[in-house]
PDB file of N, CA and C in Angstrom:
ATOM      1  N   UNK A   1      15.916  -7.811 -30.057  1.00  0.00           N
ATOM      2  CA  UNK A   1      17.491  -8.749 -29.709  1.00  0.00           C
ATOM      3  C   UNK A   1      17.641  -7.323 -27.701  1.00  0.00           C
ATOM      4  N   UNK A   2      17.155  -5.904 -27.705  1.00  0.00           N
ATOM      5  CA  UNK A   2      18.107  -5.338 -26.456  1.00  0.00           C
ATOM      6  C   UNK A   2      17.153  -5.840 -25.613  1.00  0.00           C
ATOM      7  N   UNK A   3      16.427  -6.837 -25.649  1.00  0.00           N
ATOM      8  CA  UNK A   3      15.552  -7.057 -24.673  1.00  0.00           C
ATOM      9  C   UNK A   3      16.156  -8.303 -23.745  1.00  0.00           C
ATOM     10  N   UNK A   4      16.620  -8.836 -25.097  1.00  0.00           N
ATOM     11  CA  UNK A   4      17.399 -10.405 -24.288  1.00  0.00           C
ATOM     12  C   UNK A   4      18.940  -9.588 -23.511  1.00  0.00           C
ATOM     13  N   UNK A   5      19.924  -8.468 -24.247  1.00  0.00           N
ATOM     14  CA  UNK A   5      20.819  -8.274 -23.814  1.00  0.00           C
ATOM     15  C   UNK A   5      20.203  -7.428 -22.493  1.00  0.00           C
ATOM     16  N   UNK A   6      19.222  -6.434 -21.977  1.00  0.00           N
ATOM     17  CA  UNK A   6      19.576  -5.655 -21.039  1.00  0.00           C
ATOM     18  C   UNK A   6      19.477  -6.931 -19.926  1.00  0.00           C
ATOM     19  N   UNK A   7      18.946  -8.114 -20.270  1.00  0.00           N
ATOM     20  CA  UNK A   7      18.364  -9.222 -19.495  1.00  0.00           C
ATOM     21  C   UNK A   7      18.857 -10.053 -18.958  1.00  0.00           C
ATOM     22  N   UNK A   8      20.169  -9.759 -19.587  1.00  0.00           N
ATOM     23  CA  UNK A   8      21.771 -10.534 -19.531  1.00  0.00           C
ATOM     24  C   UNK A   8      22.301  -9.266 -18.493  1.00  0.00           C
ATOM     25  N   UNK A   9      22.079  -8.025 -18.317  1.00  0.00           N
ATOM     26  CA  UNK A   9      22.787  -7.635 -17.953  1.00  0.00           C
ATOM     27  C   UNK A   9      23.405  -6.348 -18.506  1.00  0.00           C
ATOM     28  N   UNK A  10      23.026  -6.705 -19.686  1.00  0.00           N
ATOM     29  CA  UNK A  10      24.014  -5.229 -20.894  1.00  0.00           C
ATOM     30  C   UNK A  10      23.815  -3.543 -20.804  1.00  0.00           C
ATOM     31  N   UNK A  11      23.953  -2.876 -20.889  1.00  0.00           N
ATOM     32  CA  UNK A  11      24.144  -1.618 -21.595  1.00  0.00           C
ATOM     33  C   UNK A  11      22.977  -1.429 -22.121  1.00  0.00           C
ATOM     34  N   UNK A  12      21.989  -1.381 -23.029  1.00  0.00           N
ATOM     35  CA  UNK A  12      22.327  -1.367 -24.528  1.00  0.00           C
ATOM     36  C   UNK A  12      21.673   0.738 -25.209  1.00  0.00           C
ATOM     37  N   UNK A  13      22.605   0.656 -26.143  1.00  0.00           N
ATOM     38  CA  UNK A  13      21.902   1.634 -26.783  1.00  0.00           C
ATOM     39  C   UNK A  13      20.993   1.566 -27.870  1.00  0.00           C
ATOM     40  N   UNK A  14      19.491   1.728 -28.701  1.00  0.00           N
ATOM     41  CA  UNK A  14      18.925   1.207 -30.084  1.00  0.00           C
ATOM     42  C   UNK A  14      18.789   2.520 -30.887  1.00  0.00           C
ATOM     43  N   UNK A  15      19.142   1.454 -31.656  1.00  0.00           N
ATOM     44  CA  UNK A  15      19.515   2.714 -32.989  1.00  0.00           C
ATOM     45  C   UNK A  15      18.520   3.973 -33.122  1.00  0.00           C
ATOM     46  N   UNK A  16      17.332   4.013 -32.935  1.00  0.00           N
ATOM     47  CA  UNK A  16      15.744   4.068 -33.544  1.00  0.00           C
ATOM     48  C   UNK A  16      15.914   5.009 -32.086  1.00  0.00           C
ATOM     49  N   UNK A  17      16.815   5.583 -30.947  1.00  0.00           N
ATOM     50  CA  UNK A  17      16.641   6.622 -30.055  1.00  0.00           C
ATOM     51  C   UNK A  17      17.915   7.433 -30.337  1.00  0.00           C
ATOM     52  N   UNK A  18      18.808   6.813 -31.132  1.00  0.00           N
ATOM     53  CA  UNK A  18      19.946   7.603 -31.186  1.00  0.00           C
ATOM     54  C   UNK A  18      20.239   8.483 -32.467  1.00  0.00           C
ATOM     55  N   UNK A  19      18.588   7.461 -33.659  1.00  0.00           N
ATOM     56  CA  UNK A  19      19.329   8.169 -35.284  1.00  0.00           C
ATOM     57  C   UNK A  19      18.065   8.534 -35.989  1.00  0.00           C
ATOM     58  N   UNK A  20      17.881   8.922 -37.460  1.00  0.00           N
ATOM     59  CA  UNK A  20      17.071   8.678 -37.375  1.00  0.00           C
ATOM     60  C   UNK A  20      16.223   7.162 -38.811  1.00  0.00           C
ATOM     61  N   UNK A  21      15.650   6.520 -38.409  1.00  0.00           N
ATOM     62  CA  UNK A  21      15.151   5.451 -38.603  1.00  0.00           C
ATOM     63  C   UNK A  21      16.250   5.326 -39.645  1.00  0.00           C
ATOM     64  N   UNK A  22      15.878   6.059 -41.260  1.00  0.00           N
ATOM     65  CA  UNK A  22      16.112   5.593 -42.482  1.00  0.00           C
ATOM     66  C   UNK A  22      17.883   6.902 -42.797  1.00  0.00           C
ATOM     67  N   UNK A  23      18.470   6.574 -41.835  1.00  0.00           N
ATOM     68  CA  UNK A  23      19.733   7.082 -41.037  1.00  0.00           C
ATOM     69  C   UNK A  23      20.723   6.273 -42.244  1.00  0.00           C
ATOM     70  N   UNK A  24      21.102   6.862 -43.085  1.00  0.00           N
ATOM     71  CA  UNK A  24      22.674   5.779 -43.787  1.00  0.00           C
ATOM     72  C   UNK A  24      23.511   5.492 -42.710  1.00  0.00           C
ATOM     73  N   UNK A  25      23.865   4.091 -43.201  1.00  0.00           N
ATOM     74  CA  UNK A  25      24.193   3.003 -41.972  1.00  0.00           C
ATOM     75  C   UNK A  25      26.098   3.932 -41.907  1.00  0.00           C
ATOM     76  N   UNK A  26      26.624   4.787 -42.993  1.00  0.00           N
ATOM     77  CA  UNK A  26      27.950   4.663 -43.251  1.00  0.00           C
ATOM     78  C   UNK A  26      27.839   6.538 -42.112  1.00  0.00           C
ATOM     79  N   UNK A  27      27.152   7.019 -42.762  1.00  0.00           N
ATOM     80  CA  UNK A  27      25.982   8.249 -40.897  1.00  0.00           C
ATOM     81  C   UNK A  27      26.657   7.889 -39.424  1.00  0.00           C
ATOM     82  N   UNK A  28      25.618   7.193 -38.950  1.00  0.00           N
ATOM     83  CA  UNK A  28      25.337   6.752 -38.085  1.00  0.00           C
ATOM     84  C   UNK A  28      26.763   5.311 -37.418  1.00  0.00           C
ATOM     85  N   UNK A  29      27.027   4.915 -37.935  1.00  0.00           N
ATOM     86  CA  UNK A  29      28.298   3.913 -38.152  1.00  0.00           C
ATOM     87  C   UNK A  29      29.345   4.582 -37.842  1.00  0.00           C
ATOM     88  N   UNK A  30      29.630   5.699 -38.419  1.00  0.00           N
ATOM     89  CA  UNK A  30      30.771   6.769 -37.874  1.00  0.00           C
ATOM     90  C   UNK A  30      30.489   6.967 -36.633  1.00  0.00           C
ATOM     91  N   UNK A  31      28.983   7.522 -35.552  1.00  0.00           N
ATOM     92  CA  UNK A  31      29.017   7.756 -34.422  1.00  0.00           C
ATOM     93  C   UNK A  31      29.125   6.704 -34.043  1.00  0.00           C
ATOM     94  N   UNK A  32      28.733   5.705 -33.958  1.00  0.00           N
ATOM     95  CA  UNK A  32      28.640   4.581 -32.963  1.00  0.00           C
ATOM     96  C   UNK A  32      30.315   4.320 -32.839  1.00  0.00           C
ATOM     97  N   UNK A  33      30.840   4.749 -34.261  1.00  0.00           N
ATOM     98  CA  UNK A  33      32.225   4.712 -33.579  1.00  0.00           C
ATOM     99  C   UNK A  33      33.014   5.175 -32.844  1.00  0.00           C
ATOM    100  N   UNK A  34      32.855   6.977 -32.948  1.00  0.00           N
ATOM    101  CA  UNK A  34      33.294   7.737 -31.811  1.00  0.00           C
ATOM    102  C   UNK A  34      32.984   7.218 -30.126  1.00  0.00           C
ATOM    103  N   UNK A  35      31.959   6.697 -30.636  1.00  0.00           N
ATOM    104  CA  UNK A  35      31.418   6.782 -28.898  1.00  0.00           C
ATOM    105  C   UNK A  35      31.783   5.361 -28.062  1.00  0.00           C
ATOM    106  N   UNK A  36      32.254   4.418 -29.600  1.00  0.00           N
ATOM    107  CA  UNK A  36      32.746   3.137 -28.679  1.00  0.00           C
ATOM    108  C   UNK A  36      31.576   2.271 -28.143  1.00  0.00           C
ATOM    109  N   UNK A  37      31.384   2.397 -29.155  1.00  0.00           N
ATOM    110  CA  UNK A  37      30.081   1.152 -29.780  1.00  0.00           C
ATOM    111  C   UNK A  37      30.157   0.081 -29.582  1.00  0.00           C
ATOM    112  N   UNK A  38      28.890  -1.395 -29.644  1.00  0.00           N
ATOM    113  CA  UNK A  38      29.241  -2.406 -30.029  1.00  0.00           C
ATOM    114  C   UNK A  38      28.190  -1.925 -30.543  1.00  0.00           C
ATOM    115  N   UNK A  39      28.040  -2.760 -32.308  1.00  0.00           N
ATOM    116  CA  UNK A  39      26.938  -3.009 -33.162  1.00  0.00           C
ATOM    117  C   UNK A  39      26.755  -3.819 -32.922  1.00  0.00           C
ATOM    118  N   UNK A  40      25.644  -4.824 -32.891  1.00  0.00           N
ATOM    119  CA  UNK A  40      25.235  -5.502 -33.444  1.00  0.00           C
ATOM    120  C   UNK A  40      23.542  -5.897 -33.973  1.00  0.00           C
ATOM    121  N   UNK A  41      23.964  -6.317 -35.672  1.00  0.00           N
ATOM    122  CA  UNK A  41      22.332  -5.814 -36.159  1.00  0.00           C
ATOM    123  C   UNK A  41      21.858  -7.909 -36.757  1.00  0.00           C
ATOM    124  N   UNK A  42      20.796  -7.184 -37.543  1.00  0.00           N
ATOM    125  CA  UNK A  42      20.490  -9.249 -37.998  1.00  0.00           C
ATOM    126  C   UNK A  42      20.635  -7.939 -39.771  1.00  0.00           C
ATOM    127  N   UNK A  43      20.773  -7.089 -39.753  1.00  0.00           N
ATOM    128  CA  UNK A  43      20.939  -6.450 -41.022  1.00  0.00           C
ATOM    129  C   UNK A  43      21.686  -7.241 -42.084  1.00  0.00           C
ATOM    130  N   UNK A  44      22.319  -8.169 -42.379  1.00  0.00           N
ATOM    131  CA  UNK A  44      22.922  -8.910 -42.800  1.00  0.00           C
ATOM    132  C   UNK A  44      24.142  -7.812 -44.534  1.00  0.00           C
ATOM    133  N   UNK A  45      22.747  -7.418 -44.743  1.00  0.00           N
ATOM    134  CA  UNK A  45      23.324  -6.455 -46.237  1.00  0.00           C
ATOM    135  C   UNK A  45      24.635  -5.386 -46.192  1.00  0.00           C
ATOM    136  N   UNK A  46      24.689  -5.559 -44.588  1.00  0.00           N
ATOM    137  CA  UNK A  46      25.498  -4.302 -44.544  1.00  0.00           C
ATOM    138  C   UNK A  46      27.027  -4.505 -44.556  1.00  0.00           C
ATOM    139  N   UNK A  47      26.754  -6.288 -44.744  1.00  0.00           N
ATOM    140  CA  UNK A  47      28.710  -7.027 -44.987  1.00  0.00           C
ATOM    141  C   UNK A  47      28.907  -7.029 -45.920  1.00  0.00           C
ATOM    142  N   UNK A  48      27.853  -6.135 -47.173  1.00  0.00           N
ATOM    143  CA  UNK A  48      28.158  -6.466 -48.599  1.00  0.00           C
ATOM    144  C   UNK A  48      28.537  -5.687 -49.300  1.00  0.00           C
ATOM    145  N   UNK A  49      27.994  -4.479 -48.384  1.00  0.00           N
ATOM    146  CA  UNK A  49      27.943  -2.733 -48.679  1.00  0.00           C
ATOM    147  C   UNK A  49      29.516  -2.539 -48.696  1.00  0.00           C
ATOM    148  N   UNK A  50      29.766  -1.655 -50.199  1.00  0.00           N
ATOM    149  CA  UNK A  50      31.463  -1.938 -49.415  1.00  0.00           C
ATOM    150  C   UNK A  50      31.761  -0.193 -49.000  1.00  0.00           C
ATOM    151  N   UNK A  51      30.438   0.878 -49.089  1.00  0.00           N
ATOM    152  CA  UNK A  51      30.251   1.658 -48.289  1.00  0.00           C
ATOM    153  C   UNK A  51      30.691   1.709 -47.038  1.00  0.00           C
ATOM    154  N   UNK A  52      29.311   0.678 -46.059  1.00  0.00           N
ATOM    155  CA  UNK A  52      29.454   0.220 -45.612  1.00  0.00           C
ATOM    156  C   UNK A  52      30.588  -0.001 -44.427  1.00  0.00           C
ATOM    157  N   UNK A  53      30.806  -1.077 -45.237  1.00  0.00           N
ATOM    158  CA  UNK A  53      32.220  -1.803 -44.692  1.00  0.00           C
ATOM    159  C   UNK A  53      33.431  -1.217 -44.313  1.00  0.00           C
ATOM    160  N   UNK A  54      33.775   0.302 -44.813  1.00  0.00           N
ATOM    161  CA  UNK A  54      34.745   0.933 -45.478  1.00  0.00           C
ATOM    162  C   UNK A  54      33.780   2.074 -44.338  1.00  0.00           C
ATOM    163  N   UNK A  55      33.396   2.529 -43.539  1.00  0.00           N
ATOM    164  CA  UNK A  55      32.298   3.125 -42.248  1.00  0.00           C
ATOM    165  C   UNK A  55      32.759   1.921 -41.560  1.00  0.00           C
ATOM    166  N   UNK A  56      32.484   1.435 -42.084  1.00  0.00           N
ATOM    167  CA  UNK A  56      33.051   0.079 -39.650  1.00  0.00           C
ATOM    168  C   UNK A  56      34.444   0.423 -39.480  1.00  0.00           C
ATOM    169  N   UNK A  57      35.380   0.014 -40.974  1.00  0.00           N
ATOM    170  CA  UNK A  57      36.857   0.166 -40.968  1.00  0.00           C
ATOM    171  C   UNK A  57      37.308   0.808 -40.189  1.00  0.00           C
ATOM    172  N   UNK A  58      36.594   2.795 -41.518  1.00  0.00           N
ATOM    173  CA  UNK A  58      37.588   4.194 -40.727  1.00  0.00           C
ATOM    174  C   UNK A  58      36.929   4.398 -39.453  1.00  0.00           C
ATOM    175  N   UNK A  59      36.173   3.890 -39.094  1.00  0.00           N
ATOM    176  CA  UNK A  59      35.303   4.792 -36.986  1.00  0.00           C
ATOM    177  C   UNK A  59      35.698   3.346 -36.415  1.00  0.00           C
ATOM    178  N   UNK A  60      36.338   2.000 -37.115  1.00  0.00           N
ATOM    179  CA  UNK A  60      36.444   1.003 -36.091  1.00  0.00           C
ATOM    180  C   UNK A  60      35.731   1.149 -35.132  1.00  0.00           C
ATOM    181  N   UNK A  61      34.498   0.569 -35.835  1.00  0.00           N
ATOM    182  CA  UNK A  61      33.471  -0.087 -34.877  1.00  0.00           C
ATOM    183  C   UNK A  61      33.573  -1.824 -34.694  1.00  0.00           C
ATOM    184  N   UNK A  62      33.373  -1.959 -33.428  1.00  0.00           N
ATOM    185  CA  UNK A  62      32.914  -3.801 -34.044  1.00  0.00           C
ATOM    186  C   UNK A  62      31.458  -3.803 -33.214  1.00  0.00           C
ATOM    187  N   UNK A  63      31.469  -4.686 -34.773  1.00  0.00           N
ATOM    188  CA  UNK A  63      29.890  -5.040 -34.877  1.00  0.00           C
ATOM    189  C   UNK A  63      30.104  -6.571 -35.386  1.00  0.00           C
ATOM    190  N   UNK A  64      29.129  -7.485 -35.048  1.00  0.00           N
ATOM    191  CA  UNK A  64      28.744  -8.574 -34.779  1.00  0.00           C
ATOM    192  C   UNK A  64      26.783  -8.205 -36.119  1.00  0.00           C
ATOM    193  N   UNK A  65      27.350  -9.102 -36.794  1.00  0.00           N
ATOM    194  CA  UNK A  65      26.279  -9.120 -37.867  1.00  0.00           C
ATOM    195  C   UNK A  65      25.346 -10.772 -37.067  1.00  0.00           C
ATOM    196  N   UNK A  66      24.536 -10.878 -37.501  1.00  0.00           N
ATOM    197  CA  UNK A  66      23.351 -11.960 -37.316  1.00  0.00           C
ATOM    198  C   UNK A  66      22.835 -12.355 -38.001  1.00  0.00           C
ATOM    199  N   UNK A  67      23.416 -13.069 -39.130  1.00  0.00           N
ATOM    200  CA  UNK A  67      22.539 -13.722 -40.372  1.00  0.00           C
ATOM    201  C   UNK A  67      21.832 -15.143 -40.193  1.00  0.00           C
ATOM    202  N   UNK A  68      21.656 -15.193 -39.152  1.00  0.00           N
ATOM    203  CA  UNK A  68      20.505 -16.095 -39.024  1.00  0.00           C
ATOM    204  C   UNK A  68      19.407 -15.544 -38.347  1.00  0.00           C
ATOM    205  N   UNK A  69      17.473 -16.026 -39.525  1.00  0.00           N
ATOM    206  CA  UNK A  69      16.681 -14.830 -39.295  1.00  0.00           C
ATOM    207  C   UNK A  69      15.589 -15.907 -37.723  1.00  0.00           C
ATOM    208  N   UNK A  70      15.661 -16.730 -37.388  1.00  0.00           N
ATOM    209  CA  UNK A  70      14.791 -17.285 -36.378  1.00  0.00           C
ATOM    210  C   UNK A  70      15.267 -17.007 -35.426  1.00  0.00           C
ATOM    211  N   UNK A  71      14.060 -16.656 -34.625  1.00  0.00           N
ATOM    212  CA  UNK A  71      13.948 -15.858 -33.701  1.00  0.00           C
ATOM    213  C   UNK A  71      14.873 -17.500 -32.629  1.00  0.00           C
ATOM    214  N   UNK A  72      15.198 -18.469 -32.785  1.00  0.00           N
ATOM    215  CA  UNK A  72      15.481 -18.976 -31.392  1.00  0.00           C
ATOM    216  C   UNK A  72      16.713 -19.641 -31.752  1.00  0.00           C
ATOM    217  N   UNK A  73      17.528 -18.508 -33.347  1.00  0.00           N
ATOM    218  CA  UNK A  73      18.894 -18.533 -32.647  1.00  0.00           C
ATOM    219  C   UNK A  73      18.905 -17.256 -32.796  1.00  0.00           C
ATOM    220  N   UNK A  74      18.766 -16.524 -33.211  1.00  0.00           N
ATOM    221  CA  UNK A  74      19.172 -14.937 -32.909  1.00  0.00           C
ATOM    222  C   UNK A  74      19.542 -15.183 -31.287  1.00  0.00           C
ATOM    223  N   UNK A  75      18.693 -15.967 -30.256  1.00  0.00           N
ATOM    224  CA  UNK A  75      18.433 -15.406 -28.517  1.00  0.00           C
ATOM    225  C   UNK A  75      19.543 -16.739 -28.706  1.00  0.00           C
ATOM    226  N   UNK A  76      19.607 -17.721 -28.902  1.00  0.00           N
ATOM    227  CA  UNK A  76      21.369 -17.733 -28.795  1.00  0.00           C
ATOM    228  C   UNK A  76      22.037 -17.637 -29.089  1.00  0.00           C
ATOM    229  N   UNK A  77      22.652 -16.815 -30.099  1.00  0.00           N
ATOM    230  CA  UNK A  77      23.764 -15.974 -30.768  1.00  0.00           C
ATOM    231  C   UNK A  77      23.741 -14.701 -29.091  1.00  0.00           C
ATOM    232  N   UNK A  78      22.983 -14.373 -29.118  1.00  0.00           N
ATOM    233  CA  UNK A  78      22.518 -12.883 -28.430  1.00  0.00           C
ATOM    234  C   UNK A  78      22.967 -13.123 -26.553  1.00  0.00           C
ATOM    235  N   UNK A  79      22.747 -14.313 -26.168  1.00  0.00           N
ATOM    236  CA  UNK A  79      23.198 -15.177 -24.893  1.00  0.00           C
ATOM    237  C   UNK A  79      25.389 -14.936 -25.261  1.00  0.00           C
ATOM    238  N   UNK A  80      25.024 -15.816 -26.268  1.00  0.00           N
ATOM    239  CA  UNK A  80      26.598 -15.791 -26.729  1.00  0.00           C
ATOM    240  C   UNK A  80      27.556 -14.718 -26.926  1.00  0.00           C
ATOM    241  N   UNK A  81      27.126 -13.273 -27.294  1.00  0.00           N
ATOM    242  CA  UNK A  81      27.699 -12.402 -27.757  1.00  0.00           C
ATOM    243  C   UNK A  81      27.525 -11.418 -25.981  1.00  0.00           C
ATOM    244  N   UNK A  82      26.579 -12.053 -25.416  1.00  0.00           N
ATOM    245  CA  UNK A  82      26.376 -11.103 -24.425  1.00  0.00           C
ATOM    246  C   UNK A  82      27.667 -11.531 -22.863  1.00  0.00           C
ATOM    247  N   UNK A  83      28.281 -12.769 -23.411  1.00  0.00           N
ATOM    248  CA  UNK A  83      29.278 -13.512 -22.454  1.00  0.00           C
ATOM    249  C   UNK A  83      30.423 -12.992 -22.953  1.00  0.00           C
ATOM    250  N   UNK A  84      29.948 -12.277 -24.721  1.00  0.00           N
ATOM    251  CA  UNK A  84      31.929 -12.141 -24.428  1.00  0.00           C
ATOM    252  C   UNK A  84      31.586 -10.350 -24.912  1.00  0.00           C
ATOM    253  N   UNK A  85      30.245  -9.345 -24.621  1.00  0.00           N
ATOM    254  CA  UNK A  85      30.532  -7.615 -23.889  1.00  0.00           C
ATOM    255  C   UNK A  85      30.723  -7.973 -22.565  1.00  0.00           C
ATOM    256  N   UNK A  86      30.082  -8.935 -22.132  1.00  0.00           N
ATOM    257  CA  UNK A  86      31.132  -8.993 -20.821  1.00  0.00           C
ATOM    258  C   UNK A  86      32.466  -7.947 -20.656  1.00  0.00           C
ATOM    259  N   UNK A  87      33.000  -9.024 -20.932  1.00  0.00           N
ATOM    260  CA  UNK A  87      34.883  -9.395 -21.744  1.00  0.00           C
ATOM    261  C   UNK A  87      34.771  -8.001 -21.826  1.00  0.00           C
ATOM    262  N   UNK A  88      34.094  -7.560 -22.964  1.00  0.00           N
ATOM    263  CA  UNK A  88      35.071  -5.889 -23.261  1.00  0.00           C
ATOM    264  C   UNK A  88      34.662  -4.910 -22.818  1.00  0.00           C
ATOM    265  N   UNK A  89      33.923  -5.070 -22.285  1.00  0.00           N
ATOM    266  CA  UNK A  89      34.019  -3.956 -20.550  1.00  0.00           C
ATOM    267  C   UNK A  89      35.010  -4.057 -19.455  1.00  0.00           C
ATOM    268  N   UNK A  90      35.624  -5.125 -19.298  1.00  0.00           N
ATOM    269  CA  UNK A  90      36.710  -5.563 -18.659  1.00  0.00           C
ATOM    270  C   UNK A  90      38.186  -4.875 -19.034  1.00  0.00           C
ATOM    271  N   UNK A  91      37.987  -5.377 -20.248  1.00  0.00           N
ATOM    272  CA  UNK A  91      39.329  -4.808 -20.465  1.00  0.00           C
ATOM    273  C   UNK A  91      40.116  -3.440 -20.281  1.00  0.00           C
TER     274      UNK A  91
END
């Protein structure tokens, strides 16, 4: 995902570059909210877990959960989001 977003000209941070791979979602989501980053994830479970949803709300995290697992579908979504992210940066 990061490669596609970078190719679209976006500045991208990768979870594992900043947090342990086994970091609890509420922990890293809080840190992401403090940095005002936008989350793009393929982790569909995040939208069903109460603690994770609360962490997203509390930290005011802007998040996109990509539910489709087919790589071509993901790339289409990423192109779509890269346009939206540019608009976030302009605000």
